[in-house]
Amino acid sequence: MKTATATDVNNRFGEFLNEAKSEPLAVNRNGRNVAVLLSWAEYQRLSGLEDAWWAARAKAAEAEGGYLVPEESMEALLNLLH
């Protein structure tokens, strides 16, 4: 994966945007990676993979009877917040 500084990306955004169509670009600031610039097609592909993964987990939990009804979900989330 190519890398560029945030300053370079800011100054040459159009150029890096075109490059991101074929390969993701790591953006770093002060020597640390802070973002990735990637094509819309790659974003959609990754989102689809994530959605499929969560759907498979939900189906597995449902098959095991290990899911919560909405009220139990809200209670569990509130407990995590407190």
N, C-alpha and C. Protein backbone atom coordinates (compact mmCIF):
# COMPACT_ATOMS: atom_id res chain seq x y z
N MET A 1 0.84 -1.17 0.00
CA MET A 1 0.00 0.00 0.00
C MET A 1 0.89 1.24 0.00
N LYS A 2 0.56 2.17 -0.86
CA LYS A 2 1.31 3.42 -0.90
C LYS A 2 0.95 4.28 0.31
N THR A 3 1.85 5.18 0.66
CA THR A 3 1.59 6.11 1.76
C THR A 3 1.90 7.53 1.31
N ALA A 4 1.28 8.48 1.96
CA ALA A 4 1.53 9.90 1.70
C ALA A 4 1.25 10.66 2.99
N THR A 5 1.88 11.79 3.12
CA THR A 5 1.61 12.63 4.29
C THR A 5 0.29 13.37 4.08
N ALA A 6 -0.32 13.76 5.18
CA ALA A 6 -1.57 14.50 5.11
C ALA A 6 -1.37 15.81 4.34
N THR A 7 -0.22 16.44 4.51
CA THR A 7 0.07 17.68 3.79
C THR A 7 0.11 17.44 2.28
N ASP A 8 0.79 16.37 1.86
CA ASP A 8 0.84 16.04 0.43
C ASP A 8 -0.56 15.76 -0.12
N VAL A 9 -1.36 15.02 0.64
CA VAL A 9 -2.71 14.71 0.18
C VAL A 9 -3.53 16.00 0.07
N ASN A 10 -3.37 16.87 1.03
CA ASN A 10 -4.08 18.15 0.99
C ASN A 10 -3.68 18.98 -0.23
N ASN A 11 -2.41 18.99 -0.54
CA ASN A 11 -1.91 19.80 -1.65
C ASN A 11 -2.16 19.18 -3.02
N ARG A 12 -2.28 17.85 -3.06
CA ARG A 12 -2.41 17.16 -4.35
C ARG A 12 -3.59 16.18 -4.31
N PHE A 13 -4.69 16.63 -3.75
CA PHE A 13 -5.83 15.75 -3.51
C PHE A 13 -6.32 15.06 -4.78
N GLY A 14 -6.48 15.79 -5.85
CA GLY A 14 -6.97 15.21 -7.10
C GLY A 14 -6.11 14.07 -7.59
N GLU A 15 -4.81 14.26 -7.50
CA GLU A 15 -3.87 13.22 -7.93
C GLU A 15 -4.02 11.95 -7.09
N PHE A 16 -4.09 12.14 -5.77
CA PHE A 16 -4.22 10.98 -4.89
C PHE A 16 -5.60 10.34 -5.02
N LEU A 17 -6.61 11.13 -5.29
CA LEU A 17 -7.94 10.59 -5.51
C LEU A 17 -7.94 9.66 -6.72
N ASN A 18 -7.28 10.05 -7.77
CA ASN A 18 -7.16 9.19 -8.95
C ASN A 18 -6.39 7.92 -8.65
N GLU A 19 -5.34 8.03 -7.87
CA GLU A 19 -4.54 6.84 -7.50
C GLU A 19 -5.36 5.87 -6.66
N ALA A 20 -6.22 6.41 -5.81
CA ALA A 20 -7.02 5.56 -4.92
C ALA A 20 -8.02 4.70 -5.68
N LYS A 21 -8.29 5.05 -6.93
CA LYS A 21 -9.20 4.23 -7.73
C LYS A 21 -8.61 2.84 -7.99
N SER A 22 -7.28 2.74 -7.99
CA SER A 22 -6.65 1.46 -8.28
C SER A 22 -5.97 0.83 -7.06
N GLU A 23 -5.67 1.63 -6.05
CA GLU A 23 -4.96 1.10 -4.87
C GLU A 23 -5.22 2.01 -3.67
N PRO A 24 -5.54 1.42 -2.50
CA PRO A 24 -5.72 2.25 -1.30
C PRO A 24 -4.43 3.03 -0.97
N LEU A 25 -4.62 4.16 -0.32
CA LEU A 25 -3.50 5.02 0.05
C LEU A 25 -3.56 5.30 1.54
N ALA A 26 -2.50 4.95 2.26
CA ALA A 26 -2.41 5.26 3.69
C ALA A 26 -1.97 6.71 3.83
N VAL A 27 -2.68 7.45 4.68
CA VAL A 27 -2.35 8.86 4.92
C VAL A 27 -1.79 8.95 6.34
N ASN A 28 -0.59 9.55 6.45
CA ASN A 28 -0.01 9.67 7.78
C ASN A 28 0.26 11.12 8.14
N ARG A 29 0.24 11.33 9.43
CA ARG A 29 0.52 12.65 10.00
C ARG A 29 1.48 12.42 11.15
N ASN A 30 2.56 13.17 11.14
CA ASN A 30 3.58 13.04 12.18
C ASN A 30 4.09 11.60 12.28
N GLY A 31 4.22 10.93 11.13
CA GLY A 31 4.76 9.58 11.10
C GLY A 31 3.81 8.48 11.51
N ARG A 32 2.53 8.81 11.76
CA ARG A 32 1.55 7.81 12.18
C ARG A 32 0.42 7.75 11.17
N ASN A 33 0.01 6.54 10.79
CA ASN A 33 -1.12 6.39 9.89
C ASN A 33 -2.40 6.86 10.58
N VAL A 34 -3.15 7.72 9.89
CA VAL A 34 -4.37 8.27 10.47
C VAL A 34 -5.61 8.02 9.62
N ALA A 35 -5.43 7.65 8.35
CA ALA A 35 -6.57 7.44 7.47
C ALA A 35 -6.15 6.60 6.27
N VAL A 36 -7.16 6.12 5.56
CA VAL A 36 -6.93 5.41 4.31
C VAL A 36 -7.87 5.99 3.27
N LEU A 37 -7.34 6.30 2.12
CA LEU A 37 -8.12 6.78 0.99
C LEU A 37 -8.29 5.59 0.05
N LEU A 38 -9.56 5.21 -0.22
CA LEU A 38 -9.79 4.07 -1.09
C LEU A 38 -10.95 4.35 -2.02
N SER A 39 -11.04 3.56 -3.07
CA SER A 39 -12.09 3.77 -4.07
C SER A 39 -13.45 3.43 -3.49
N TRP A 40 -14.48 3.99 -4.11
CA TRP A 40 -15.85 3.70 -3.70
C TRP A 40 -16.15 2.21 -3.88
N ALA A 41 -15.67 1.63 -4.97
CA ALA A 41 -15.90 0.21 -5.23
C ALA A 41 -15.29 -0.65 -4.12
N GLU A 42 -14.09 -0.30 -3.68
CA GLU A 42 -13.44 -1.06 -2.60
C GLU A 42 -14.20 -0.87 -1.29
N TYR A 43 -14.68 0.33 -1.03
CA TYR A 43 -15.48 0.58 0.18
C TYR A 43 -16.74 -0.28 0.15
N GLN A 44 -17.44 -0.32 -0.99
CA GLN A 44 -18.66 -1.13 -1.09
C GLN A 44 -18.35 -2.62 -0.90
N ARG A 45 -17.24 -3.08 -1.46
CA ARG A 45 -16.85 -4.47 -1.30
C ARG A 45 -16.60 -4.80 0.18
N LEU A 46 -15.87 -3.95 0.85
CA LEU A 46 -15.59 -4.18 2.27
C LEU A 46 -16.86 -4.09 3.12
N SER A 47 -17.73 -3.16 2.81
CA SER A 47 -19.00 -3.04 3.53
C SER A 47 -19.85 -4.29 3.33
N GLY A 48 -19.86 -4.81 2.11
CA GLY A 48 -20.61 -6.03 1.83
C GLY A 48 -20.07 -7.22 2.61
N LEU A 49 -18.75 -7.33 2.70
CA LEU A 49 -18.14 -8.40 3.48
C LEU A 49 -18.51 -8.29 4.96
N GLU A 50 -18.48 -7.07 5.47
CA GLU A 50 -18.83 -6.86 6.87
C GLU A 50 -20.30 -7.20 7.12
N ASP A 51 -21.18 -6.75 6.23
CA ASP A 51 -22.60 -7.06 6.36
C ASP A 51 -22.84 -8.57 6.35
N ALA A 52 -22.17 -9.28 5.45
CA ALA A 52 -22.32 -10.73 5.36
C ALA A 52 -21.82 -11.41 6.64
N TRP A 53 -20.72 -10.91 7.18
CA TRP A 53 -20.17 -11.48 8.41
C TRP A 53 -21.15 -11.31 9.57
N TRP A 54 -21.70 -10.09 9.72
CA TRP A 54 -22.67 -9.85 10.80
C TRP A 54 -23.94 -10.67 10.61
N ALA A 55 -24.39 -10.82 9.37
CA ALA A 55 -25.57 -11.63 9.10
C ALA A 55 -25.33 -13.09 9.49
N ALA A 56 -24.15 -13.60 9.17
CA ALA A 56 -23.81 -14.99 9.54
C ALA A 56 -23.77 -15.15 11.06
N ARG A 57 -23.21 -14.17 11.75
CA ARG A 57 -23.18 -14.23 13.22
C ARG A 57 -24.58 -14.19 13.80
N ALA A 58 -25.45 -13.36 13.23
CA ALA A 58 -26.83 -13.26 13.72
C ALA A 58 -27.57 -14.58 13.50
N LYS A 59 -27.38 -15.19 12.33
CA LYS A 59 -28.03 -16.48 12.05
C LYS A 59 -27.54 -17.56 13.00
N ALA A 60 -26.24 -17.56 13.27
CA ALA A 60 -25.68 -18.56 14.19
C ALA A 60 -26.22 -18.36 15.60
N ALA A 61 -26.31 -17.12 16.04
CA ALA A 61 -26.84 -16.83 17.38
C ALA A 61 -28.31 -17.23 17.46
N GLU A 62 -29.05 -16.94 16.40
CA GLU A 62 -30.47 -17.30 16.39
C GLU A 62 -30.64 -18.82 16.45
N ALA A 63 -29.81 -19.54 15.71
CA ALA A 63 -29.88 -21.00 15.71
C ALA A 63 -29.57 -21.58 17.08
N GLU A 64 -28.69 -20.91 17.82
CA GLU A 64 -28.32 -21.37 19.16
C GLU A 64 -29.27 -20.85 20.22
N GLY A 65 -30.20 -19.99 19.84
CA GLY A 65 -31.10 -19.38 20.82
C GLY A 65 -30.40 -18.33 21.65
N GLY A 66 -29.27 -17.83 21.17
CA GLY A 66 -28.47 -16.90 21.95
C GLY A 66 -28.63 -15.46 21.54
N TYR A 67 -29.85 -15.05 21.22
CA TYR A 67 -30.06 -13.65 20.88
C TYR A 67 -31.03 -13.03 21.86
N LEU A 68 -31.02 -11.72 21.94
CA LEU A 68 -31.86 -10.99 22.87
C LEU A 68 -33.04 -10.35 22.15
N VAL A 69 -34.16 -10.31 22.83
CA VAL A 69 -35.30 -9.55 22.30
C VAL A 69 -34.96 -8.07 22.48
N PRO A 70 -35.67 -7.17 21.79
CA PRO A 70 -35.32 -5.74 21.85
C PRO A 70 -35.21 -5.18 23.27
N GLU A 71 -36.09 -5.55 24.15
CA GLU A 71 -36.04 -5.04 25.53
C GLU A 71 -34.77 -5.48 26.25
N GLU A 72 -34.39 -6.73 26.05
CA GLU A 72 -33.16 -7.24 26.66
C GLU A 72 -31.94 -6.56 26.07
N SER A 73 -31.98 -6.28 24.78
CA SER A 73 -30.87 -5.57 24.13
C SER A 73 -30.69 -4.19 24.73
N MET A 74 -31.80 -3.47 24.90
CA MET A 74 -31.73 -2.12 25.47
C MET A 74 -31.19 -2.17 26.89
N GLU A 75 -31.66 -3.12 27.68
CA GLU A 75 -31.17 -3.25 29.05
C GLU A 75 -29.67 -3.55 29.08
N ALA A 76 -29.22 -4.45 28.20
CA ALA A 76 -27.80 -4.79 28.16
C ALA A 76 -26.96 -3.58 27.75
N LEU A 77 -27.43 -2.82 26.76
CA LEU A 77 -26.70 -1.62 26.34
C LEU A 77 -26.64 -0.58 27.45
N LEU A 78 -27.75 -0.37 28.13
CA LEU A 78 -27.76 0.61 29.24
C LEU A 78 -26.82 0.17 30.35
N ASN A 79 -26.77 -1.12 30.62
CA ASN A 79 -25.85 -1.62 31.65
C ASN A 79 -24.39 -1.38 31.26
N LEU A 80 -24.09 -1.52 29.97
CA LEU A 80 -22.73 -1.25 29.51
C LEU A 80 -22.35 0.21 29.65
N LEU A 81 -23.34 1.09 29.50
CA LEU A 81 -23.07 2.52 29.60
C LEU A 81 -22.88 2.98 31.03
N HIS A 82 -23.39 2.23 31.98
CA HIS A 82 -23.30 2.66 33.38
C HIS A 82 -22.29 1.89 34.14
